[in-house]
Amino acid sequence: MLRRITASEEELDAEELQRGSSASGCTLAGEVHRGELVTISGRLRTVVYTPRTNLPTLEADLYDGSDVVTLVWLGRRHIAGIEPGRQLTATGRVAVRDDRKVIYNPHYELEAPK
């Protein structure tokens, strides 16, 4: 009870996301390592289209309360439903780019909006 009173809203939200991820049987983003095939669940924080001369990309930061994993779709400008605030579950192999965890072209399932 004291924890709920003294914790910030951001901390409480992170704890709730971690509980939801663990309850669904997913791996926490803070525990994944390069080369692992993982399923993670969380909320999209940002979605950015990055135009490049040879290959455009759509990048989204997935936050599960423990860490962020960047989801990258190569050759895509837009994907319906991929927008900030949406909950989703993504499966793929973890890579590391610029000291960030990344999953390229993940398989994903959007959760119904609340």
PDB file of N, CA and C in Angstrom:
ATOM      1  N   MET A   1       0.824  -1.187   0.000  1.00  0.00           N
ATOM      2  CA  MET A   1       0.000   0.000   0.000  1.00  0.00           C
ATOM      3  C   MET A   1       0.872   1.256   0.000  1.00  0.00           C
ATOM      4  N   LEU A   2       1.895   1.261   0.859  1.00  0.00           N
ATOM      5  CA  LEU A   2       2.805   2.402   0.915  1.00  0.00           C
ATOM      6  C   LEU A   2       3.498   2.606  -0.428  1.00  0.00           C
ATOM      7  N   ARG A   3       3.852   1.504  -1.093  1.00  0.00           N
ATOM      8  CA  ARG A   3       4.515   1.570  -2.410  1.00  0.00           C
ATOM      9  C   ARG A   3       3.638   2.303  -3.416  1.00  0.00           C
ATOM     10  N   ARG A   4       2.340   2.013  -3.435  1.00  0.00           N
ATOM     11  CA  ARG A   4       1.420   2.653  -4.374  1.00  0.00           C
ATOM     12  C   ARG A   4       1.296   4.153  -4.124  1.00  0.00           C
ATOM     13  N   ILE A   5       1.458   4.561  -2.884  1.00  0.00           N
ATOM     14  CA  ILE A   5       1.336   5.971  -2.543  1.00  0.00           C
ATOM     15  C   ILE A   5       2.608   6.739  -2.901  1.00  0.00           C
ATOM     16  N   THR A   6       3.773   6.112  -2.650  1.00  0.00           N
ATOM     17  CA  THR A   6       5.043   6.814  -2.855  1.00  0.00           C
ATOM     18  C   THR A   6       5.616   6.681  -4.255  1.00  0.00           C
ATOM     19  N   ALA A   7       5.178   5.674  -5.024  1.00  0.00           N
ATOM     20  CA  ALA A   7       5.728   5.455  -6.368  1.00  0.00           C
ATOM     21  C   ALA A   7       5.143   6.458  -7.361  1.00  0.00           C
ATOM     22  N   SER A   8       5.950   6.813  -8.353  1.00  0.00           N
ATOM     23  CA  SER A   8       5.464   7.712  -9.393  1.00  0.00           C
ATOM     24  C   SER A   8       4.535   6.947 -10.331  1.00  0.00           C
ATOM     25  N   GLU A   9       3.785   7.680 -11.104  1.00  0.00           N
ATOM     26  CA  GLU A   9       2.860   7.062 -12.062  1.00  0.00           C
ATOM     27  C   GLU A   9       3.627   6.234 -13.090  1.00  0.00           C
ATOM     28  N   GLU A  10       4.791   6.715 -13.487  1.00  0.00           N
ATOM     29  CA  GLU A  10       5.624   5.997 -14.456  1.00  0.00           C
ATOM     30  C   GLU A  10       6.099   4.648 -13.894  1.00  0.00           C
ATOM     31  N   GLU A  11       6.488   4.635 -12.628  1.00  0.00           N
ATOM     32  CA  GLU A  11       6.930   3.386 -11.989  1.00  0.00           C
ATOM     33  C   GLU A  11       5.782   2.392 -11.884  1.00  0.00           C
ATOM     34  N   LEU A  12       4.610   2.858 -11.516  1.00  0.00           N
ATOM     35  CA  LEU A  12       3.447   1.985 -11.415  1.00  0.00           C
ATOM     36  C   LEU A  12       3.064   1.420 -12.781  1.00  0.00           C
ATOM     37  N   ASP A  13       3.147   2.251 -13.816  1.00  0.00           N
ATOM     38  CA  ASP A  13       2.852   1.802 -15.173  1.00  0.00           C
ATOM     39  C   ASP A  13       3.851   0.734 -15.616  1.00  0.00           C
ATOM     40  N   ALA A  14       5.137   0.937 -15.309  1.00  0.00           N
ATOM     41  CA  ALA A  14       6.166  -0.039 -15.667  1.00  0.00           C
ATOM     42  C   ALA A  14       5.921  -1.366 -14.963  1.00  0.00           C
ATOM     43  N   GLU A  15       5.553  -1.320 -13.705  1.00  0.00           N
ATOM     44  CA  GLU A  15       5.260  -2.553 -12.964  1.00  0.00           C
ATOM     45  C   GLU A  15       4.066  -3.281 -13.557  1.00  0.00           C
ATOM     46  N   GLU A  16       3.039  -2.533 -13.942  1.00  0.00           N
ATOM     47  CA  GLU A  16       1.848  -3.137 -14.544  1.00  0.00           C
ATOM     48  C   GLU A  16       2.190  -3.799 -15.885  1.00  0.00           C
ATOM     49  N   LEU A  17       3.004  -3.128 -16.698  1.00  0.00           N
ATOM     50  CA  LEU A  17       3.423  -3.702 -17.975  1.00  0.00           C
ATOM     51  C   LEU A  17       4.221  -4.983 -17.771  1.00  0.00           C
ATOM     52  N   GLN A  18       5.121  -4.984 -16.784  1.00  0.00           N
ATOM     53  CA  GLN A  18       5.920  -6.180 -16.506  1.00  0.00           C
ATOM     54  C   GLN A  18       5.039  -7.333 -16.044  1.00  0.00           C
ATOM     55  N   ARG A  19       4.067  -7.047 -15.183  1.00  0.00           N
ATOM     56  CA  ARG A  19       3.153  -8.102 -14.723  1.00  0.00           C
ATOM     57  C   ARG A  19       2.372  -8.690 -15.893  1.00  0.00           C
ATOM     58  N   GLY A  20       1.877  -7.820 -16.781  1.00  0.00           N
ATOM     59  CA  GLY A  20       1.124  -8.295 -17.943  1.00  0.00           C
ATOM     60  C   GLY A  20       1.974  -9.139 -18.869  1.00  0.00           C
ATOM     61  N   SER A  21       3.213  -8.726 -19.069  1.00  0.00           N
ATOM     62  CA  SER A  21       4.125  -9.468 -19.932  1.00  0.00           C
ATOM     63  C   SER A  21       4.436 -10.834 -19.342  1.00  0.00           C
ATOM     64  N   SER A  22       4.722 -10.880 -18.057  1.00  0.00           N
ATOM     65  CA  SER A  22       5.020 -12.154 -17.389  1.00  0.00           C
ATOM     66  C   SER A  22       3.807 -13.071 -17.384  1.00  0.00           C
ATOM     67  N   ALA A  23       2.629 -12.515 -17.151  1.00  0.00           N
ATOM     68  CA  ALA A  23       1.404 -13.307 -17.112  1.00  0.00           C
ATOM     69  C   ALA A  23       1.086 -13.946 -18.462  1.00  0.00           C
ATOM     70  N   SER A  24       1.485 -13.282 -19.544  1.00  0.00           N
ATOM     71  CA  SER A  24       1.216 -13.826 -20.880  1.00  0.00           C
ATOM     72  C   SER A  24       2.285 -14.821 -21.324  1.00  0.00           C
ATOM     73  N   GLY A  25       3.291 -15.053 -20.473  1.00  0.00           N
ATOM     74  CA  GLY A  25       4.326 -16.040 -20.789  1.00  0.00           C
ATOM     75  C   GLY A  25       5.442 -15.495 -21.659  1.00  0.00           C
ATOM     76  N   CYS A  26       5.507 -14.190 -21.817  1.00  0.00           N
ATOM     77  CA  CYS A  26       6.537 -13.573 -22.651  1.00  0.00           C
ATOM     78  C   CYS A  26       7.810 -13.320 -21.842  1.00  0.00           C
ATOM     79  N   THR A  27       8.913 -13.163 -22.562  1.00  0.00           N
ATOM     80  CA  THR A  27      10.188 -12.827 -21.952  1.00  0.00           C
ATOM     81  C   THR A  27      10.239 -11.320 -21.732  1.00  0.00           C
ATOM     82  N   LEU A  28      10.777 -10.895 -20.602  1.00  0.00           N
ATOM     83  CA  LEU A  28      10.936  -9.464 -20.362  1.00  0.00           C
ATOM     84  C   LEU A  28      12.063  -8.929 -21.236  1.00  0.00           C
ATOM     85  N   ALA A  29      11.882  -7.748 -21.787  1.00  0.00           N
ATOM     86  CA  ALA A  29      12.872  -7.151 -22.685  1.00  0.00           C
ATOM     87  C   ALA A  29      14.209  -6.942 -21.981  1.00  0.00           C
ATOM     88  N   GLY A  30      14.183  -6.704 -20.689  1.00  0.00           N
ATOM     89  CA  GLY A  30      15.412  -6.504 -19.938  1.00  0.00           C
ATOM     90  C   GLY A  30      16.241  -7.772 -19.794  1.00  0.00           C
ATOM     91  N   GLU A  31      15.650  -8.938 -20.104  1.00  0.00           N
ATOM     92  CA  GLU A  31      16.333 -10.222 -19.943  1.00  0.00           C
ATOM     93  C   GLU A  31      16.749 -10.862 -21.268  1.00  0.00           C
ATOM     94  N   VAL A  32      16.462 -10.212 -22.396  1.00  0.00           N
ATOM     95  CA  VAL A  32      16.800 -10.819 -23.685  1.00  0.00           C
ATOM     96  C   VAL A  32      18.228 -10.462 -24.086  1.00  0.00           C
ATOM     97  N   HIS A  33      18.839 -11.364 -24.861  1.00  0.00           N
ATOM     98  CA  HIS A  33      20.205 -11.164 -25.319  1.00  0.00           C
ATOM     99  C   HIS A  33      20.288 -11.381 -26.825  1.00  0.00           C
ATOM    100  N   ARG A  34      21.322 -10.835 -27.401  1.00  0.00           N
ATOM    101  CA  ARG A  34      21.565 -10.949 -28.839  1.00  0.00           C
ATOM    102  C   ARG A  34      21.537 -12.413 -29.293  1.00  0.00           C
ATOM    103  N   GLY A  35      20.827 -12.654 -30.385  1.00  0.00           N
ATOM    104  CA  GLY A  35      20.762 -13.979 -30.984  1.00  0.00           C
ATOM    105  C   GLY A  35      19.615 -14.840 -30.502  1.00  0.00           C
ATOM    106  N   GLU A  36      18.930 -14.435 -29.444  1.00  0.00           N
ATOM    107  CA  GLU A  36      17.825 -15.227 -28.914  1.00  0.00           C
ATOM    108  C   GLU A  36      16.555 -15.019 -29.731  1.00  0.00           C
ATOM    109  N   LEU A  37      15.797 -16.099 -29.886  1.00  0.00           N
ATOM    110  CA  LEU A  37      14.470 -16.019 -30.480  1.00  0.00           C
ATOM    111  C   LEU A  37      13.502 -15.815 -29.322  1.00  0.00           C
ATOM    112  N   VAL A  38      12.824 -14.672 -29.287  1.00  0.00           N
ATOM    113  CA  VAL A  38      11.999 -14.313 -28.139  1.00  0.00           C
ATOM    114  C   VAL A  38      10.612 -13.849 -28.554  1.00  0.00           C
ATOM    115  N   THR A  39       9.711 -13.887 -27.583  1.00  0.00           N
ATOM    116  CA  THR A  39       8.393 -13.281 -27.710  1.00  0.00           C
ATOM    117  C   THR A  39       8.279 -12.281 -26.572  1.00  0.00           C
ATOM    118  N   ILE A  40       8.028 -11.026 -26.939  1.00  0.00           N
ATOM    119  CA  ILE A  40       7.893  -9.969 -25.935  1.00  0.00           C
ATOM    120  C   ILE A  40       6.554  -9.264 -26.137  1.00  0.00           C
ATOM    121  N   SER A  41       6.046  -8.718 -25.048  1.00  0.00           N
ATOM    122  CA  SER A  41       4.756  -8.036 -25.095  1.00  0.00           C
ATOM    123  C   SER A  41       4.900  -6.696 -24.387  1.00  0.00           C
ATOM    124  N   GLY A  42       4.275  -5.663 -24.946  1.00  0.00           N
ATOM    125  CA  GLY A  42       4.373  -4.352 -24.319  1.00  0.00           C
ATOM    126  C   GLY A  42       3.578  -3.311 -25.085  1.00  0.00           C
ATOM    127  N   ARG A  43       3.944  -2.061 -24.845  1.00  0.00           N
ATOM    128  CA  ARG A  43       3.256  -0.919 -25.450  1.00  0.00           C
ATOM    129  C   ARG A  43       4.220  -0.167 -26.358  1.00  0.00           C
ATOM    130  N   LEU A  44       3.740   0.226 -27.526  1.00  0.00           N
ATOM    131  CA  LEU A  44       4.561   1.010 -28.443  1.00  0.00           C
ATOM    132  C   LEU A  44       4.695   2.432 -27.925  1.00  0.00           C
ATOM    133  N   ARG A  45       5.925   2.880 -27.781  1.00  0.00           N
ATOM    134  CA  ARG A  45       6.168   4.254 -27.314  1.00  0.00           C
ATOM    135  C   ARG A  45       6.256   5.219 -28.481  1.00  0.00           C
ATOM    136  N   THR A  46       7.071   4.888 -29.457  1.00  0.00           N
ATOM    137  CA  THR A  46       7.236   5.756 -30.625  1.00  0.00           C
ATOM    138  C   THR A  46       7.192   4.927 -31.891  1.00  0.00           C
ATOM    139  N   VAL A  47       6.736   5.549 -32.960  1.00  0.00           N
ATOM    140  CA  VAL A  47       6.740   4.934 -34.284  1.00  0.00           C
ATOM    141  C   VAL A  47       7.288   5.966 -35.247  1.00  0.00           C
ATOM    142  N   VAL A  48       8.347   5.601 -35.985  1.00  0.00           N
ATOM    143  CA  VAL A  48       9.024   6.560 -36.862  1.00  0.00           C
ATOM    144  C   VAL A  48       9.270   5.922 -38.223  1.00  0.00           C
ATOM    145  N   TYR A  49       8.898   6.637 -39.270  1.00  0.00           N
ATOM    146  CA  TYR A  49       9.250   6.234 -40.635  1.00  0.00           C
ATOM    147  C   TYR A  49      10.580   6.889 -40.960  1.00  0.00           C
ATOM    148  N   THR A  50      11.537   6.072 -41.391  1.00  0.00           N
ATOM    149  CA  THR A  50      12.862   6.582 -41.735  1.00  0.00           C
ATOM    150  C   THR A  50      13.101   6.390 -43.231  1.00  0.00           C
ATOM    151  N   PRO A  51      12.943   7.457 -44.008  1.00  0.00           N
ATOM    152  CA  PRO A  51      13.198   7.312 -45.443  1.00  0.00           C
ATOM    153  C   PRO A  51      14.697   7.180 -45.702  1.00  0.00           C
ATOM    154  N   ARG A  52      15.041   6.206 -46.452  1.00  0.00           N
ATOM    155  CA  ARG A  52      16.439   6.017 -46.843  1.00  0.00           C
ATOM    156  C   ARG A  52      16.443   5.871 -48.357  1.00  0.00           C
ATOM    157  N   THR A  53      17.565   6.166 -48.955  1.00  0.00           N
ATOM    158  CA  THR A  53      17.627   6.141 -50.416  1.00  0.00           C
ATOM    159  C   THR A  53      17.414   4.745 -50.987  1.00  0.00           C
ATOM    160  N   ASN A  54      17.946   3.732 -50.333  1.00  0.00           N
ATOM    161  CA  ASN A  54      17.822   2.395 -50.907  1.00  0.00           C
ATOM    162  C   ASN A  54      16.778   1.516 -50.215  1.00  0.00           C
ATOM    163  N   LEU A  55      16.480   1.765 -48.914  1.00  0.00           N
ATOM    164  CA  LEU A  55      15.532   0.921 -48.209  1.00  0.00           C
ATOM    165  C   LEU A  55      14.849   1.689 -47.075  1.00  0.00           C
ATOM    166  N   PRO A  56      13.582   2.079 -47.270  1.00  0.00           N
ATOM    167  CA  PRO A  56      12.880   2.769 -46.186  1.00  0.00           C
ATOM    168  C   PRO A  56      12.597   1.790 -45.043  1.00  0.00           C
ATOM    169  N   THR A  57      12.472   2.314 -43.822  1.00  0.00           N
ATOM    170  CA  THR A  57      12.168   1.470 -42.667  1.00  0.00           C
ATOM    171  C   THR A  57      11.113   2.126 -41.791  1.00  0.00           C
ATOM    172  N   LEU A  58      10.344   1.289 -41.125  1.00  0.00           N
ATOM    173  CA  LEU A  58       9.404   1.726 -40.115  1.00  0.00           C
ATOM    174  C   LEU A  58       9.931   1.174 -38.798  1.00  0.00           C
ATOM    175  N   GLU A  59      10.170   2.051 -37.817  1.00  0.00           N
ATOM    176  CA  GLU A  59      10.744   1.644 -36.540  1.00  0.00           C
ATOM    177  C   GLU A  59       9.795   2.012 -35.414  1.00  0.00           C
ATOM    178  N   ALA A  60       9.626   1.078 -34.468  1.00  0.00           N
ATOM    179  CA  ALA A  60       8.752   1.305 -33.322  1.00  0.00           C
ATOM    180  C   ALA A  60       9.447   0.813 -32.059  1.00  0.00           C
ATOM    181  N   ASP A  61       9.413   1.622 -31.006  1.00  0.00           N
ATOM    182  CA  ASP A  61       9.991   1.233 -29.719  1.00  0.00           C
ATOM    183  C   ASP A  61       8.927   0.553 -28.878  1.00  0.00           C
ATOM    184  N   LEU A  62       9.170  -0.717 -28.543  1.00  0.00           N
ATOM    185  CA  LEU A  62       8.259  -1.509 -27.725  1.00  0.00           C
ATOM    186  C   LEU A  62       8.787  -1.552 -26.301  1.00  0.00           C
ATOM    187  N   TYR A  63       7.988  -1.054 -25.351  1.00  0.00           N
ATOM    188  CA  TYR A  63       8.387  -0.970 -23.947  1.00  0.00           C
ATOM    189  C   TYR A  63       7.525  -1.919 -23.129  1.00  0.00           C
ATOM    190  N   ASP A  64       8.173  -2.763 -22.318  1.00  0.00           N
ATOM    191  CA  ASP A  64       7.424  -3.714 -21.498  1.00  0.00           C
ATOM    192  C   ASP A  64       7.579  -3.463 -20.005  1.00  0.00           C
ATOM    193  N   GLY A  65       8.118  -2.314 -19.640  1.00  0.00           N
ATOM    194  CA  GLY A  65       8.296  -1.980 -18.241  1.00  0.00           C
ATOM    195  C   GLY A  65       9.695  -2.263 -17.731  1.00  0.00           C
ATOM    196  N   SER A  66      10.437  -3.123 -18.445  1.00  0.00           N
ATOM    197  CA  SER A  66      11.799  -3.444 -18.012  1.00  0.00           C
ATOM    198  C   SER A  66      12.849  -2.839 -18.934  1.00  0.00           C
ATOM    199  N   ASP A  67      12.535  -2.748 -20.214  1.00  0.00           N
ATOM    200  CA  ASP A  67      13.479  -2.221 -21.202  1.00  0.00           C
ATOM    201  C   ASP A  67      12.733  -1.972 -22.507  1.00  0.00           C
ATOM    202  N   VAL A  68      13.435  -1.399 -23.466  1.00  0.00           N
ATOM    203  CA  VAL A  68      12.868  -1.117 -24.785  1.00  0.00           C
ATOM    204  C   VAL A  68      13.540  -1.999 -25.825  1.00  0.00           C
ATOM    205  N   VAL A  69      12.733  -2.545 -26.727  1.00  0.00           N
ATOM    206  CA  VAL A  69      13.243  -3.259 -27.899  1.00  0.00           C
ATOM    207  C   VAL A  69      12.681  -2.533 -29.109  1.00  0.00           C
ATOM    208  N   THR A  70      13.540  -2.210 -30.053  1.00  0.00           N
ATOM    209  CA  THR A  70      13.103  -1.519 -31.265  1.00  0.00           C
ATOM    210  C   THR A  70      12.699  -2.554 -32.308  1.00  0.00           C
ATOM    211  N   LEU A  71      11.497  -2.427 -32.819  1.00  0.00           N
ATOM    212  CA  LEU A  71      10.999  -3.288 -33.885  1.00  0.00           C
ATOM    213  C   LEU A  71      11.220  -2.556 -35.199  1.00  0.00           C
ATOM    214  N   VAL A  72      11.832  -3.224 -36.178  1.00  0.00           N
ATOM    215  CA  VAL A  72      12.158  -2.581 -37.452  1.00  0.00           C
ATOM    216  C   VAL A  72      11.560  -3.401 -38.590  1.00  0.00           C
ATOM    217  N   TRP A  73      10.720  -2.745 -39.379  1.00  0.00           N
ATOM    218  CA  TRP A  73      10.174  -3.378 -40.579  1.00  0.00           C
ATOM    219  C   TRP A  73      10.872  -2.758 -41.781  1.00  0.00           C
ATOM    220  N   LEU A  74      11.625  -3.561 -42.485  1.00  0.00           N
ATOM    221  CA  LEU A  74      12.382  -3.087 -43.652  1.00  0.00           C
ATOM    222  C   LEU A  74      11.463  -2.963 -44.861  1.00  0.00           C
ATOM    223  N   GLY A  75      11.604  -1.866 -45.595  1.00  0.00           N
ATOM    224  CA  GLY A  75      10.829  -1.663 -46.818  1.00  0.00           C
ATOM    225  C   GLY A  75       9.399  -1.231 -46.583  1.00  0.00           C
ATOM    226  N   ARG A  76       9.042  -0.847 -45.356  1.00  0.00           N
ATOM    227  CA  ARG A  76       7.671  -0.454 -45.052  1.00  0.00           C
ATOM    228  C   ARG A  76       7.600   1.017 -44.691  1.00  0.00           C
ATOM    229  N   ARG A  77       6.570   1.680 -45.157  1.00  0.00           N
ATOM    230  CA  ARG A  77       6.354   3.079 -44.825  1.00  0.00           C
ATOM    231  C   ARG A  77       5.283   3.231 -43.747  1.00  0.00           C
ATOM    232  N   HIS A  78       4.338   2.307 -43.731  1.00  0.00           N
ATOM    233  CA  HIS A  78       3.228   2.374 -42.791  1.00  0.00           C
ATOM    234  C   HIS A  78       2.659   0.969 -42.624  1.00  0.00           C
ATOM    235  N   ILE A  79       2.221   0.644 -41.412  1.00  0.00           N
ATOM    236  CA  ILE A  79       1.516  -0.605 -41.149  1.00  0.00           C
ATOM    237  C   ILE A  79       0.286  -0.238 -40.321  1.00  0.00           C
ATOM    238  N   ALA A  80      -0.876  -0.632 -40.797  1.00  0.00           N
ATOM    239  CA  ALA A  80      -2.118  -0.315 -40.091  1.00  0.00           C
ATOM    240  C   ALA A  80      -2.066  -0.868 -38.666  1.00  0.00           C
ATOM    241  N   GLY A  81      -2.400  -0.027 -37.692  1.00  0.00           N
ATOM    242  CA  GLY A  81      -2.430  -0.447 -36.303  1.00  0.00           C
ATOM    243  C   GLY A  81      -1.129  -0.234 -35.550  1.00  0.00           C
ATOM    244  N   ILE A  82      -0.034  -0.029 -36.270  1.00  0.00           N
ATOM    245  CA  ILE A  82       1.250   0.228 -35.608  1.00  0.00           C
ATOM    246  C   ILE A  82       1.317   1.729 -35.342  1.00  0.00           C
ATOM    247  N   GLU A  83       0.979   2.093 -34.099  1.00  0.00           N
ATOM    248  CA  GLU A  83       0.939   3.500 -33.705  1.00  0.00           C
ATOM    249  C   GLU A  83       1.251   3.601 -32.216  1.00  0.00           C
ATOM    250  N   PRO A  84       1.748   4.747 -31.775  1.00  0.00           N
ATOM    251  CA  PRO A  84       2.098   4.915 -30.358  1.00  0.00           C
ATOM    252  C   PRO A  84       0.905   4.627 -29.447  1.00  0.00           C
ATOM    253  N   GLY A  85       1.186   3.933 -28.341  1.00  0.00           N
ATOM    254  CA  GLY A  85       0.150   3.622 -27.373  1.00  0.00           C
ATOM    255  C   GLY A  85      -0.495   2.262 -27.546  1.00  0.00           C
ATOM    256  N   ARG A  86      -0.302   1.611 -28.703  1.00  0.00           N
ATOM    257  CA  ARG A  86      -0.909   0.298 -28.939  1.00  0.00           C
ATOM    258  C   ARG A  86      -0.128  -0.789 -28.219  1.00  0.00           C
ATOM    259  N   GLN A  87      -0.864  -1.747 -27.690  1.00  0.00           N
ATOM    260  CA  GLN A  87      -0.277  -2.930 -27.055  1.00  0.00           C
ATOM    261  C   GLN A  87      -0.089  -3.979 -28.144  1.00  0.00           C
ATOM    262  N   LEU A  88       1.056  -4.660 -28.109  1.00  0.00           N
ATOM    263  CA  LEU A  88       1.258  -5.750 -29.050  1.00  0.00           C
ATOM    264  C   LEU A  88       2.240  -6.764 -28.503  1.00  0.00           C
ATOM    265  N   THR A  89       2.219  -7.940 -29.120  1.00  0.00           N
ATOM    266  CA  THR A  89       3.155  -9.010 -28.807  1.00  0.00           C
ATOM    267  C   THR A  89       3.958  -9.261 -30.071  1.00  0.00           C
ATOM    268  N   ALA A  90       5.287  -9.288 -29.939  1.00  0.00           N
ATOM    269  CA  ALA A  90       6.170  -9.468 -31.096  1.00  0.00           C
ATOM    270  C   ALA A  90       7.093 -10.657 -30.870  1.00  0.00           C
ATOM    271  N   THR A  91       7.352 -11.386 -31.950  1.00  0.00           N
ATOM    272  CA  THR A  91       8.252 -12.530 -31.907  1.00  0.00           C
ATOM    273  C   THR A  91       9.323 -12.351 -32.972  1.00  0.00           C
ATOM    274  N   GLY A  92      10.574 -12.615 -32.598  1.00  0.00           N
ATOM    275  CA  GLY A  92      11.667 -12.520 -33.555  1.00  0.00           C
ATOM    276  C   GLY A  92      13.008 -12.743 -32.878  1.00  0.00           C
ATOM    277  N   ARG A  93      14.051 -12.677 -33.669  1.00  0.00           N
ATOM    278  CA  ARG A  93      15.412 -12.865 -33.166  1.00  0.00           C
ATOM    279  C   ARG A  93      16.015 -11.511 -32.826  1.00  0.00           C
ATOM    280  N   VAL A  94      16.596 -11.421 -31.641  1.00  0.00           N
ATOM    281  CA  VAL A  94      17.151 -10.164 -31.151  1.00  0.00           C
ATOM    282  C   VAL A  94      18.522  -9.901 -31.764  1.00  0.00           C
ATOM    283  N   ALA A  95      18.692  -8.690 -32.254  1.00  0.00           N
ATOM    284  CA  ALA A  95      19.992  -8.214 -32.752  1.00  0.00           C
ATOM    285  C   ALA A  95      20.353  -6.985 -31.910  1.00  0.00           C
ATOM    286  N   VAL A  96      21.581  -6.531 -32.046  1.00  0.00           N
ATOM    287  CA  VAL A  96      22.000  -5.318 -31.352  1.00  0.00           C
ATOM    288  C   VAL A  96      22.524  -4.340 -32.393  1.00  0.00           C
ATOM    289  N   ARG A  97      21.967  -3.128 -32.393  1.00  0.00           N
ATOM    290  CA  ARG A  97      22.387  -2.077 -33.311  1.00  0.00           C
ATOM    291  C   ARG A  97      22.578  -0.803 -32.507  1.00  0.00           C
ATOM    292  N   ASP A  98      23.763  -0.230 -32.562  1.00  0.00           N
ATOM    293  CA  ASP A  98      24.071   0.990 -31.805  1.00  0.00           C
ATOM    294  C   ASP A  98      23.748   0.829 -30.317  1.00  0.00           C
ATOM    295  N   ASP A  99      24.108  -0.322 -29.755  1.00  0.00           N
ATOM    296  CA  ASP A  99      23.882  -0.646 -28.336  1.00  0.00           C
ATOM    297  C   ASP A  99      22.398  -0.686 -27.957  1.00  0.00           C
ATOM    298  N   ARG A 100      21.516  -0.903 -28.934  1.00  0.00           N
ATOM    299  CA  ARG A 100      20.081  -1.048 -28.678  1.00  0.00           C
ATOM    300  C   ARG A 100      19.626  -2.418 -29.143  1.00  0.00           C
ATOM    301  N   LYS A 101      18.674  -2.988 -28.417  1.00  0.00           N
ATOM    302  CA  LYS A 101      18.103  -4.274 -28.811  1.00  0.00           C
ATOM    303  C   LYS A 101      17.112  -4.032 -29.944  1.00  0.00           C
ATOM    304  N   VAL A 102      17.217  -4.849 -31.001  1.00  0.00           N
ATOM    305  CA  VAL A 102      16.401  -4.659 -32.196  1.00  0.00           C
ATOM    306  C   VAL A 102      15.887  -6.010 -32.671  1.00  0.00           C
ATOM    307  N   ILE A 103      14.651  -6.032 -33.164  1.00  0.00           N
ATOM    308  CA  ILE A 103      14.118  -7.205 -33.858  1.00  0.00           C
ATOM    309  C   ILE A 103      13.700  -6.731 -35.244  1.00  0.00           C
ATOM    310  N   TYR A 104      14.295  -7.339 -36.276  1.00  0.00           N
ATOM    311  CA  TYR A 104      13.968  -6.979 -37.654  1.00  0.00           C
ATOM    312  C   TYR A 104      12.804  -7.818 -38.154  1.00  0.00           C
ATOM    313  N   ASN A 105      11.872  -7.168 -38.833  1.00  0.00           N
ATOM    314  CA  ASN A 105      10.701  -7.799 -39.443  1.00  0.00           C
ATOM    315  C   ASN A 105      10.037  -8.808 -38.504  1.00  0.00           C
ATOM    316  N   PRO A 106       9.619  -8.355 -37.316  1.00  0.00           N
ATOM    317  CA  PRO A 106       9.034  -9.289 -36.344  1.00  0.00           C
ATOM    318  C   PRO A 106       7.648  -9.760 -36.765  1.00  0.00           C
ATOM    319  N   HIS A 107       7.306 -10.939 -36.291  1.00  0.00           N
ATOM    320  CA  HIS A 107       5.917 -11.399 -36.374  1.00  0.00           C
ATOM    321  C   HIS A 107       5.226 -10.713 -35.200  1.00  0.00           C
ATOM    322  N   TYR A 108       4.051 -10.161 -35.401  1.00  0.00           N
ATOM    323  CA  TYR A 108       3.413  -9.415 -34.318  1.00  0.00           C
ATOM    324  C   TYR A 108       1.912  -9.651 -34.305  1.00  0.00           C
ATOM    325  N   GLU A 109       1.335  -9.458 -33.124  1.00  0.00           N
ATOM    326  CA  GLU A 109      -0.100  -9.530 -32.935  1.00  0.00           C
ATOM    327  C   GLU A 109      -0.519  -8.303 -32.141  1.00  0.00           C
ATOM    328  N   LEU A 110      -1.424  -7.527 -32.700  1.00  0.00           N
ATOM    329  CA  LEU A 110      -1.948  -6.341 -32.003  1.00  0.00           C
ATOM    330  C   LEU A 110      -3.016  -6.783 -30.999  1.00  0.00           C
ATOM    331  N   GLU A 111      -3.003  -6.161 -29.837  1.00  0.00           N
ATOM    332  CA  GLU A 111      -4.064  -6.410 -28.858  1.00  0.00           C
ATOM    333  C   GLU A 111      -5.161  -5.390 -29.084  1.00  0.00           C
ATOM    334  N   ALA A 112      -6.358  -5.757 -28.731  1.00  0.00           N
ATOM    335  CA  ALA A 112      -7.512  -4.866 -28.912  1.00  0.00           C
ATOM    336  C   ALA A 112      -7.300  -3.596 -28.086  1.00  0.00           C
ATOM    337  N   PRO A 113      -7.622  -2.434 -28.656  1.00  0.00           N
ATOM    338  CA  PRO A 113      -7.495  -1.176 -27.904  1.00  0.00           C
ATOM    339  C   PRO A 113      -8.385  -1.196 -26.661  1.00  0.00           C
ATOM    340  N   LYS A 114      -7.890  -0.579 -25.582  1.00  0.00           N
ATOM    341  CA  LYS A 114      -8.668  -0.552 -24.336  1.00  0.00           C
ATOM    342  C   LYS A 114      -9.436   0.739 -24.222  1.00  0.00           C
TER     343      LYS A 114
END
